[in-house]
Amino acid sequence: MWLGQARTPEGMRLYAIGDVHGCDDLLAEAHDKIARDLESRPAADYRIIHVGDYGDRGPDTAAVIERLIGLVTADARVVCLRGNHDELLVGFLNDPNRIGPTFLANGGDATLASYGVKLGVMAMLLGDPAKLSARLAERMPVSDRAFLQALPLTARFGDYLFCHAGIRPGVPLERQDPDDLTWIRDEFLLSGVDHGFVVVHGHTPASEPEVLPNRINIDTGAVFGGRLTCLVLEGTDYGFL
């Protein structure tokens, strides 16, 4: 199934938002644009899908998660998927000694700061991950942790599959490794095969959305000064807000 042939479910418009990484102002703007689009072009049904990576690196992880919880609670048509950075945050809370170094090396200090756990250079290098995790757990609302732990890996609507990083080509969807769905890069990105659906993903920053016959990459590096991309799919058409 190639882009141009792939269809959304009849009467359903799909919006997909790329990697947020703590950029709450851009997330709010994206949802404002979606609301205006729905007002000017009403749809019989819709879904708003976020492809993961809500925290780390950017300034407002806590605000992003609070906003997403509010959106999901208010509207069942809002979908939030799990990214590798969301996995790292859960892992840091559950198994800090194993996950802590990777979490902190990938922008986790910004997530800690957003919850009021600020680190100096020495704490970053020599701090006890278990103590830092305990401090974060004390400050993070229980609802935030529950939200992160419950995030699904994939969502499928019509001929489109949504996930964070991509899939391993040639492996049926039900047998995909969860690590591939949140971490894979080259094996997926360099593949030109027909997956049976068009994959919409993030994870690998690009200066502009990457639109290929078998996939669409919507991570446009919001936290690095790029846009927070919102893809719109309806019928066999696609576009961007």
C-alpha atoms as a PDB file:
ATOM      1  CA  MET A   1       0.000   0.000   0.000  1.00  0.00           C
ATOM      2  CA  TRP A   2       1.602   3.240  -1.175  1.00  0.00           C
ATOM      3  CA  LEU A   3       0.929   6.864  -0.375  1.00  0.00           C
ATOM      4  CA  GLY A   4      -1.680   8.053  -2.844  1.00  0.00           C
ATOM      5  CA  GLN A   5      -3.450   4.713  -2.621  1.00  0.00           C
ATOM      6  CA  ALA A   6      -3.686   4.569   1.161  1.00  0.00           C
ATOM      7  CA  ARG A   7      -7.001   5.790   2.600  1.00  0.00           C
ATOM      8  CA  THR A   8      -8.239   6.957   5.957  1.00  0.00           C
ATOM      9  CA  PRO A   9     -11.426   5.341   7.294  1.00  0.00           C
ATOM     10  CA  GLU A  10     -14.508   6.682   5.508  1.00  0.00           C
ATOM     11  CA  GLY A  11     -15.489  10.089   6.865  1.00  0.00           C
ATOM     12  CA  MET A  12     -12.492  10.321   9.213  1.00  0.00           C
ATOM     13  CA  ARG A  13      -9.780  12.989   9.164  1.00  0.00           C
ATOM     14  CA  LEU A  14      -6.470  12.184  10.830  1.00  0.00           C
ATOM     15  CA  TYR A  15      -4.118  14.714  12.382  1.00  0.00           C
ATOM     16  CA  ALA A  16      -0.649  13.541  13.450  1.00  0.00           C
ATOM     17  CA  ILE A  17       1.740  15.624  15.556  1.00  0.00           C
ATOM     18  CA  GLY A  18       5.490  14.989  15.660  1.00  0.00           C
ATOM     19  CA  ASP A  19       8.022  14.843  18.495  1.00  0.00           C
ATOM     20  CA  VAL A  20       7.268  17.536  21.104  1.00  0.00           C
ATOM     21  CA  HIS A  21      10.277  17.257  23.476  1.00  0.00           C
ATOM     22  CA  GLY A  22       8.989  19.682  26.090  1.00  0.00           C
ATOM     23  CA  CYS A  23       7.928  22.421  23.652  1.00  0.00           C
ATOM     24  CA  ASP A  24       4.552  23.085  25.260  1.00  0.00           C
ATOM     25  CA  ASP A  25       4.041  26.407  23.477  1.00  0.00           C
ATOM     26  CA  LEU A  26       4.325  24.697  20.084  1.00  0.00           C
ATOM     27  CA  LEU A  27       2.013  21.883  21.178  1.00  0.00           C
ATOM     28  CA  ALA A  28      -0.620  24.417  22.244  1.00  0.00           C
ATOM     29  CA  GLU A  29      -0.250  26.193  18.901  1.00  0.00           C
ATOM     30  CA  ALA A  30      -0.651  22.917  16.978  1.00  0.00           C
ATOM     31  CA  HIS A  31      -3.882  22.123  18.787  1.00  0.00           C
ATOM     32  CA  ASP A  32      -5.157  25.656  18.181  1.00  0.00           C
ATOM     33  CA  LYS A  33      -4.525  25.172  14.465  1.00  0.00           C
ATOM     34  CA  ILE A  34      -6.336  21.845  14.502  1.00  0.00           C
ATOM     35  CA  ALA A  35      -9.330  23.427  16.250  1.00  0.00           C
ATOM     36  CA  ARG A  36      -9.446  26.204  13.650  1.00  0.00           C
ATOM     37  CA  ASP A  37      -9.136  23.693  10.823  1.00  0.00           C
ATOM     38  CA  LEU A  38     -12.015  21.629  12.201  1.00  0.00           C
ATOM     39  CA  GLU A  39     -14.100  24.760  12.608  1.00  0.00           C
ATOM     40  CA  SER A  40     -13.491  25.920   9.049  1.00  0.00           C
ATOM     41  CA  ARG A  41     -13.727  22.410   7.526  1.00  0.00           C
ATOM     42  CA  PRO A  42     -15.933  20.247   9.756  1.00  0.00           C
ATOM     43  CA  ALA A  43     -15.256  16.507   9.641  1.00  0.00           C
ATOM     44  CA  ALA A  44     -17.721  13.728  10.398  1.00  0.00           C
ATOM     45  CA  ASP A  45     -15.064  12.143  12.625  1.00  0.00           C
ATOM     46  CA  TYR A  46     -11.403  12.728  13.402  1.00  0.00           C
ATOM     47  CA  ARG A  47      -8.434  11.520  15.414  1.00  0.00           C
ATOM     48  CA  ILE A  48      -5.476  13.521  16.714  1.00  0.00           C
ATOM     49  CA  ILE A  49      -2.452  11.247  17.059  1.00  0.00           C
ATOM     50  CA  HIS A  50       0.787  12.180  18.837  1.00  0.00           C
ATOM     51  CA  VAL A  51       3.718   9.953  17.853  1.00  0.00           C
ATOM     52  CA  GLY A  52       5.605  10.187  21.152  1.00  0.00           C
ATOM     53  CA  ASP A  53       8.640  11.839  22.757  1.00  0.00           C
ATOM     54  CA  TYR A  54       6.816  14.317  24.953  1.00  0.00           C
ATOM     55  CA  GLY A  55       9.740  15.211  27.198  1.00  0.00           C
ATOM     56  CA  ASP A  56      13.513  15.682  27.488  1.00  0.00           C
ATOM     57  CA  ARG A  57      15.712  18.394  25.996  1.00  0.00           C
ATOM     58  CA  GLY A  58      13.000  21.091  25.905  1.00  0.00           C
ATOM     59  CA  PRO A  59      11.909  23.308  28.813  1.00  0.00           C
ATOM     60  CA  ASP A  60       8.376  22.175  29.677  1.00  0.00           C
ATOM     61  CA  THR A  61       8.032  18.386  29.875  1.00  0.00           C
ATOM     62  CA  ALA A  62       5.728  18.616  32.899  1.00  0.00           C
ATOM     63  CA  ALA A  63       3.480  21.125  31.123  1.00  0.00           C
ATOM     64  CA  VAL A  64       3.348  18.988  27.968  1.00  0.00           C
ATOM     65  CA  ILE A  65       2.279  15.899  29.902  1.00  0.00           C
ATOM     66  CA  GLU A  66      -0.303  17.880  31.867  1.00  0.00           C
ATOM     67  CA  ARG A  67      -1.710  19.271  28.604  1.00  0.00           C
ATOM     68  CA  LEU A  68      -1.872  15.852  26.961  1.00  0.00           C
ATOM     69  CA  ILE A  69      -3.625  14.297  29.953  1.00  0.00           C
ATOM     70  CA  GLY A  70      -6.195  17.084  29.787  1.00  0.00           C
ATOM     71  CA  LEU A  71      -6.712  16.604  26.054  1.00  0.00           C
ATOM     72  CA  VAL A  72      -7.091  12.822  26.299  1.00  0.00           C
ATOM     73  CA  THR A  73      -9.460  13.151  29.252  1.00  0.00           C
ATOM     74  CA  ALA A  74     -11.639  15.686  27.429  1.00  0.00           C
ATOM     75  CA  ASP A  75     -11.700  13.951  24.044  1.00  0.00           C
ATOM     76  CA  ALA A  76     -11.378  10.212  23.404  1.00  0.00           C
ATOM     77  CA  ARG A  77     -10.389  11.013  19.819  1.00  0.00           C
ATOM     78  CA  VAL A  78      -6.983  12.253  21.026  1.00  0.00           C
ATOM     79  CA  VAL A  79      -4.363   9.466  20.910  1.00  0.00           C
ATOM     80  CA  CYS A  80      -0.904   9.528  22.501  1.00  0.00           C
ATOM     81  CA  LEU A  81       1.703   6.919  21.538  1.00  0.00           C
ATOM     82  CA  ARG A  82       4.914   5.928  23.293  1.00  0.00           C
ATOM     83  CA  GLY A  83       8.301   7.222  22.169  1.00  0.00           C
ATOM     84  CA  ASN A  84      11.761   6.135  23.237  1.00  0.00           C
ATOM     85  CA  HIS A  85      12.156   9.192  25.479  1.00  0.00           C
ATOM     86  CA  ASP A  86       8.870   8.375  27.191  1.00  0.00           C
ATOM     87  CA  GLU A  87      10.233   4.851  27.756  1.00  0.00           C
ATOM     88  CA  LEU A  88      13.434   6.302  29.204  1.00  0.00           C
ATOM     89  CA  LEU A  89      11.482   8.434  31.665  1.00  0.00           C
ATOM     90  CA  VAL A  90       9.416   5.456  32.848  1.00  0.00           C
ATOM     91  CA  GLY A  91      12.588   3.376  33.019  1.00  0.00           C
ATOM     92  CA  PHE A  92      14.333   6.032  35.098  1.00  0.00           C
ATOM     93  CA  LEU A  93      11.450   5.964  37.572  1.00  0.00           C
ATOM     94  CA  ASN A  94      11.293   2.150  37.704  1.00  0.00           C
ATOM     95  CA  ASP A  95      14.958   1.123  37.342  1.00  0.00           C
ATOM     96  CA  PRO A  96      17.136   4.220  37.845  1.00  0.00           C
ATOM     97  CA  ASN A  97      20.481   2.497  38.295  1.00  0.00           C
ATOM     98  CA  ARG A  98      20.197   0.799  34.898  1.00  0.00           C
ATOM     99  CA  ILE A  99      18.419   3.506  32.908  1.00  0.00           C
ATOM    100  CA  GLY A 100      19.686   6.627  34.684  1.00  0.00           C
ATOM    101  CA  PRO A 101      22.880   7.240  32.669  1.00  0.00           C
ATOM    102  CA  THR A 102      21.064   6.898  29.322  1.00  0.00           C
ATOM    103  CA  PHE A 103      18.155   9.047  30.495  1.00  0.00           C
ATOM    104  CA  LEU A 104      20.433  11.855  31.707  1.00  0.00           C
ATOM    105  CA  ALA A 105      22.621  11.684  28.592  1.00  0.00           C
ATOM    106  CA  ASN A 106      19.578  12.204  26.366  1.00  0.00           C
ATOM    107  CA  GLY A 107      18.126  15.368  27.840  1.00  0.00           C
ATOM    108  CA  GLY A 108      16.617  13.914  30.988  1.00  0.00           C
ATOM    109  CA  ASP A 109      18.025  16.775  33.062  1.00  0.00           C
ATOM    110  CA  ALA A 110      15.525  19.106  31.333  1.00  0.00           C
ATOM    111  CA  THR A 111      12.665  16.807  32.326  1.00  0.00           C
ATOM    112  CA  LEU A 112      13.889  16.736  35.933  1.00  0.00           C
ATOM    113  CA  ALA A 113      14.125  20.538  35.971  1.00  0.00           C
ATOM    114  CA  SER A 114      10.566  20.880  34.677  1.00  0.00           C
ATOM    115  CA  TYR A 115       9.407  18.999  37.784  1.00  0.00           C
ATOM    116  CA  GLY A 116      11.576  21.127  40.063  1.00  0.00           C
ATOM    117  CA  VAL A 117      14.544  18.741  40.346  1.00  0.00           C
ATOM    118  CA  LYS A 118      17.436  20.907  39.193  1.00  0.00           C
ATOM    119  CA  LEU A 119      20.924  19.474  38.763  1.00  0.00           C
ATOM    120  CA  GLY A 120      24.362  21.021  38.796  1.00  0.00           C
ATOM    121  CA  VAL A 121      27.165  19.659  36.625  1.00  0.00           C
ATOM    122  CA  MET A 122      28.548  17.467  39.403  1.00  0.00           C
ATOM    123  CA  ALA A 123      25.135  15.985  40.129  1.00  0.00           C
ATOM    124  CA  MET A 124      24.735  15.199  36.432  1.00  0.00           C
ATOM    125  CA  LEU A 125      28.075  13.378  36.372  1.00  0.00           C
ATOM    126  CA  LEU A 126      28.300  11.869  39.836  1.00  0.00           C
ATOM    127  CA  GLY A 127      24.796  11.983  41.321  1.00  0.00           C
ATOM    128  CA  ASP A 128      23.084   8.874  42.596  1.00  0.00           C
ATOM    129  CA  PRO A 129      20.444   7.912  39.973  1.00  0.00           C
ATOM    130  CA  ALA A 130      18.277   6.222  42.600  1.00  0.00           C
ATOM    131  CA  LYS A 131      18.138   9.366  44.721  1.00  0.00           C
ATOM    132  CA  LEU A 132      17.378  11.535  41.687  1.00  0.00           C
ATOM    133  CA  SER A 133      14.628   9.132  40.653  1.00  0.00           C
ATOM    134  CA  ALA A 134      13.132   9.236  44.136  1.00  0.00           C
ATOM    135  CA  ARG A 135      13.142  13.043  44.077  1.00  0.00           C
ATOM    136  CA  LEU A 136      11.394  13.029  40.708  1.00  0.00           C
ATOM    137  CA  ALA A 137       8.811  10.493  41.908  1.00  0.00           C
ATOM    138  CA  GLU A 138       8.004  12.743  44.876  1.00  0.00           C
ATOM    139  CA  ARG A 139       7.347  15.739  42.636  1.00  0.00           C
ATOM    140  CA  MET A 140       5.660  14.074  39.662  1.00  0.00           C
ATOM    141  CA  PRO A 141       1.871  13.731  39.932  1.00  0.00           C
ATOM    142  CA  VAL A 142       0.686  10.133  40.078  1.00  0.00           C
ATOM    143  CA  SER A 143      -1.465  10.858  37.015  1.00  0.00           C
ATOM    144  CA  ASP A 144       1.623  11.781  34.957  1.00  0.00           C
ATOM    145  CA  ARG A 145       3.343   8.505  35.758  1.00  0.00           C
ATOM    146  CA  ALA A 146       0.196   6.492  35.043  1.00  0.00           C
ATOM    147  CA  PHE A 147      -0.240   8.299  31.716  1.00  0.00           C
ATOM    148  CA  LEU A 148       3.321   7.485  30.637  1.00  0.00           C
ATOM    149  CA  GLN A 149       3.132   3.846  31.689  1.00  0.00           C
ATOM    150  CA  ALA A 150      -0.099   3.278  29.764  1.00  0.00           C
ATOM    151  CA  LEU A 151       1.016   4.741  26.418  1.00  0.00           C
ATOM    152  CA  PRO A 152       0.418   2.304  23.526  1.00  0.00           C
ATOM    153  CA  LEU A 153       3.073   1.591  20.912  1.00  0.00           C
ATOM    154  CA  THR A 154       0.956   1.809  17.754  1.00  0.00           C
ATOM    155  CA  ALA A 155      -2.353   2.959  16.361  1.00  0.00           C
ATOM    156  CA  ARG A 156      -3.833   2.030  12.999  1.00  0.00           C
ATOM    157  CA  PHE A 157      -6.535   3.883  11.134  1.00  0.00           C
ATOM    158  CA  GLY A 158      -7.422   2.715   7.663  1.00  0.00           C
ATOM    159  CA  ASP A 159      -4.277   2.208   5.606  1.00  0.00           C
ATOM    160  CA  TYR A 160      -2.058   4.204   7.964  1.00  0.00           C
ATOM    161  CA  LEU A 161       0.005   2.864  10.854  1.00  0.00           C
ATOM    162  CA  PHE A 162       1.240   5.332  13.464  1.00  0.00           C
ATOM    163  CA  CYS A 163       4.212   4.595  15.701  1.00  0.00           C
ATOM    164  CA  HIS A 164       7.176   6.471  17.086  1.00  0.00           C
ATOM    165  CA  ALA A 165      10.264   5.213  15.249  1.00  0.00           C
ATOM    166  CA  GLY A 166       9.110   2.788  12.572  1.00  0.00           C
ATOM    167  CA  ILE A 167       8.834  -0.959  12.020  1.00  0.00           C
ATOM    168  CA  ARG A 168      11.200  -3.758  11.085  1.00  0.00           C
ATOM    169  CA  PRO A 169      10.500  -4.513   7.403  1.00  0.00           C
ATOM    170  CA  GLY A 170       9.205  -7.986   6.673  1.00  0.00           C
ATOM    171  CA  VAL A 171       7.983  -8.655  10.222  1.00  0.00           C
ATOM    172  CA  PRO A 172       4.188  -8.857  10.742  1.00  0.00           C
ATOM    173  CA  LEU A 173       2.815  -6.071  12.879  1.00  0.00           C
ATOM    174  CA  GLU A 174       1.756  -8.415  15.673  1.00  0.00           C
ATOM    175  CA  ARG A 175       5.347  -9.736  15.921  1.00  0.00           C
ATOM    176  CA  GLN A 176       7.155  -6.392  15.914  1.00  0.00           C
ATOM    177  CA  ASP A 177       9.696  -5.928  18.717  1.00  0.00           C
ATOM    178  CA  PRO A 178       8.620  -3.048  21.013  1.00  0.00           C
ATOM    179  CA  ASP A 179      12.208  -1.772  20.923  1.00  0.00           C
ATOM    180  CA  ASP A 180      12.017  -1.463  17.138  1.00  0.00           C
ATOM    181  CA  LEU A 181       8.762   0.480  17.333  1.00  0.00           C
ATOM    182  CA  THR A 182      10.416   3.098  19.560  1.00  0.00           C
ATOM    183  CA  TRP A 183      14.104   2.983  18.537  1.00  0.00           C
ATOM    184  CA  ILE A 184      14.618   1.623  14.992  1.00  0.00           C
ATOM    185  CA  ARG A 185      16.329   3.784  12.395  1.00  0.00           C
ATOM    186  CA  ASP A 186      18.338   2.648   9.357  1.00  0.00           C
ATOM    187  CA  GLU A 187      16.714  -0.736   8.747  1.00  0.00           C
ATOM    188  CA  PHE A 188      13.364   1.029   8.476  1.00  0.00           C
ATOM    189  CA  LEU A 189      14.373   4.405   7.058  1.00  0.00           C
ATOM    190  CA  LEU A 190      16.391   2.906   4.190  1.00  0.00           C
ATOM    191  CA  SER A 191      13.746   0.356   3.239  1.00  0.00           C
ATOM    192  CA  GLY A 192      11.655   0.956   0.140  1.00  0.00           C
ATOM    193  CA  VAL A 193       9.399  -2.068   0.532  1.00  0.00           C
ATOM    194  CA  ASP A 194       5.614  -2.016   0.695  1.00  0.00           C
ATOM    195  CA  HIS A 195       4.707  -2.597   4.353  1.00  0.00           C
ATOM    196  CA  GLY A 196       1.025  -3.131   3.569  1.00  0.00           C
ATOM    197  CA  PHE A 197       0.247   0.312   5.009  1.00  0.00           C
ATOM    198  CA  VAL A 198       1.877   3.739   5.091  1.00  0.00           C
ATOM    199  CA  VAL A 199       3.825   4.318   8.310  1.00  0.00           C
ATOM    200  CA  VAL A 200       3.587   7.743   9.965  1.00  0.00           C
ATOM    201  CA  HIS A 201       6.429   8.205  12.439  1.00  0.00           C
ATOM    202  CA  GLY A 202       8.839  10.565  14.153  1.00  0.00           C
ATOM    203  CA  HIS A 203      12.083   9.817  16.060  1.00  0.00           C
ATOM    204  CA  THR A 204      14.602  10.895  13.406  1.00  0.00           C
ATOM    205  CA  PRO A 205      14.733  14.703  13.060  1.00  0.00           C
ATOM    206  CA  ALA A 206      14.633  16.216   9.578  1.00  0.00           C
ATOM    207  CA  SER A 207      14.504  19.831   8.464  1.00  0.00           C
ATOM    208  CA  GLU A 208      11.216  19.207   6.634  1.00  0.00           C
ATOM    209  CA  PRO A 209       8.647  16.402   6.720  1.00  0.00           C
ATOM    210  CA  GLU A 210       9.892  13.379   4.766  1.00  0.00           C
ATOM    211  CA  VAL A 211       7.191  12.120   2.425  1.00  0.00           C
ATOM    212  CA  LEU A 212       7.994   8.788   0.780  1.00  0.00           C
ATOM    213  CA  PRO A 213       5.778   6.185  -0.878  1.00  0.00           C
ATOM    214  CA  ASN A 214       5.827   3.898   2.191  1.00  0.00           C
ATOM    215  CA  ARG A 215       6.285   6.333   5.108  1.00  0.00           C
ATOM    216  CA  ILE A 216       5.948   9.911   6.331  1.00  0.00           C
ATOM    217  CA  ASN A 217       8.393  11.270   8.921  1.00  0.00           C
ATOM    218  CA  ILE A 218       6.922  14.145  10.945  1.00  0.00           C
ATOM    219  CA  ASP A 219       9.802  14.787  13.370  1.00  0.00           C
ATOM    220  CA  THR A 220      11.016  18.177  12.203  1.00  0.00           C
ATOM    221  CA  GLY A 221      13.195  18.986  15.214  1.00  0.00           C
ATOM    222  CA  ALA A 222      10.892  21.286  17.175  1.00  0.00           C
ATOM    223  CA  VAL A 223      13.234  21.276  20.172  1.00  0.00           C
ATOM    224  CA  PHE A 224      16.180  22.195  17.935  1.00  0.00           C
ATOM    225  CA  GLY A 225      14.473  25.294  16.548  1.00  0.00           C
ATOM    226  CA  GLY A 226      12.439  23.592  13.838  1.00  0.00           C
ATOM    227  CA  ARG A 227       8.687  23.318  13.443  1.00  0.00           C
ATOM    228  CA  LEU A 228       6.346  21.053  15.339  1.00  0.00           C
ATOM    229  CA  THR A 229       4.773  19.384  12.334  1.00  0.00           C
ATOM    230  CA  CYS A 230       1.101  18.473  12.106  1.00  0.00           C
ATOM    231  CA  LEU A 231       0.212  16.124   9.248  1.00  0.00           C
ATOM    232  CA  VAL A 232      -3.371  15.996   7.960  1.00  0.00           C
ATOM    233  CA  LEU A 233      -4.705  12.874   6.236  1.00  0.00           C
ATOM    234  CA  GLU A 234      -8.176  12.540   4.713  1.00  0.00           C
ATOM    235  CA  GLY A 235      -9.274  10.034   2.105  1.00  0.00           C
ATOM    236  CA  THR A 236      -6.202   9.570  -0.081  1.00  0.00           C
ATOM    237  CA  ASP A 237      -5.042  13.172   0.389  1.00  0.00           C
ATOM    238  CA  TYR A 238      -2.376  14.534   2.723  1.00  0.00           C
ATOM    239  CA  GLY A 239      -1.199  17.981   3.753  1.00  0.00           C
ATOM    240  CA  PHE A 240       0.289  19.915   6.654  1.00  0.00           C
ATOM    241  CA  LEU A 241      -0.966  22.587   9.036  1.00  0.00           C
END
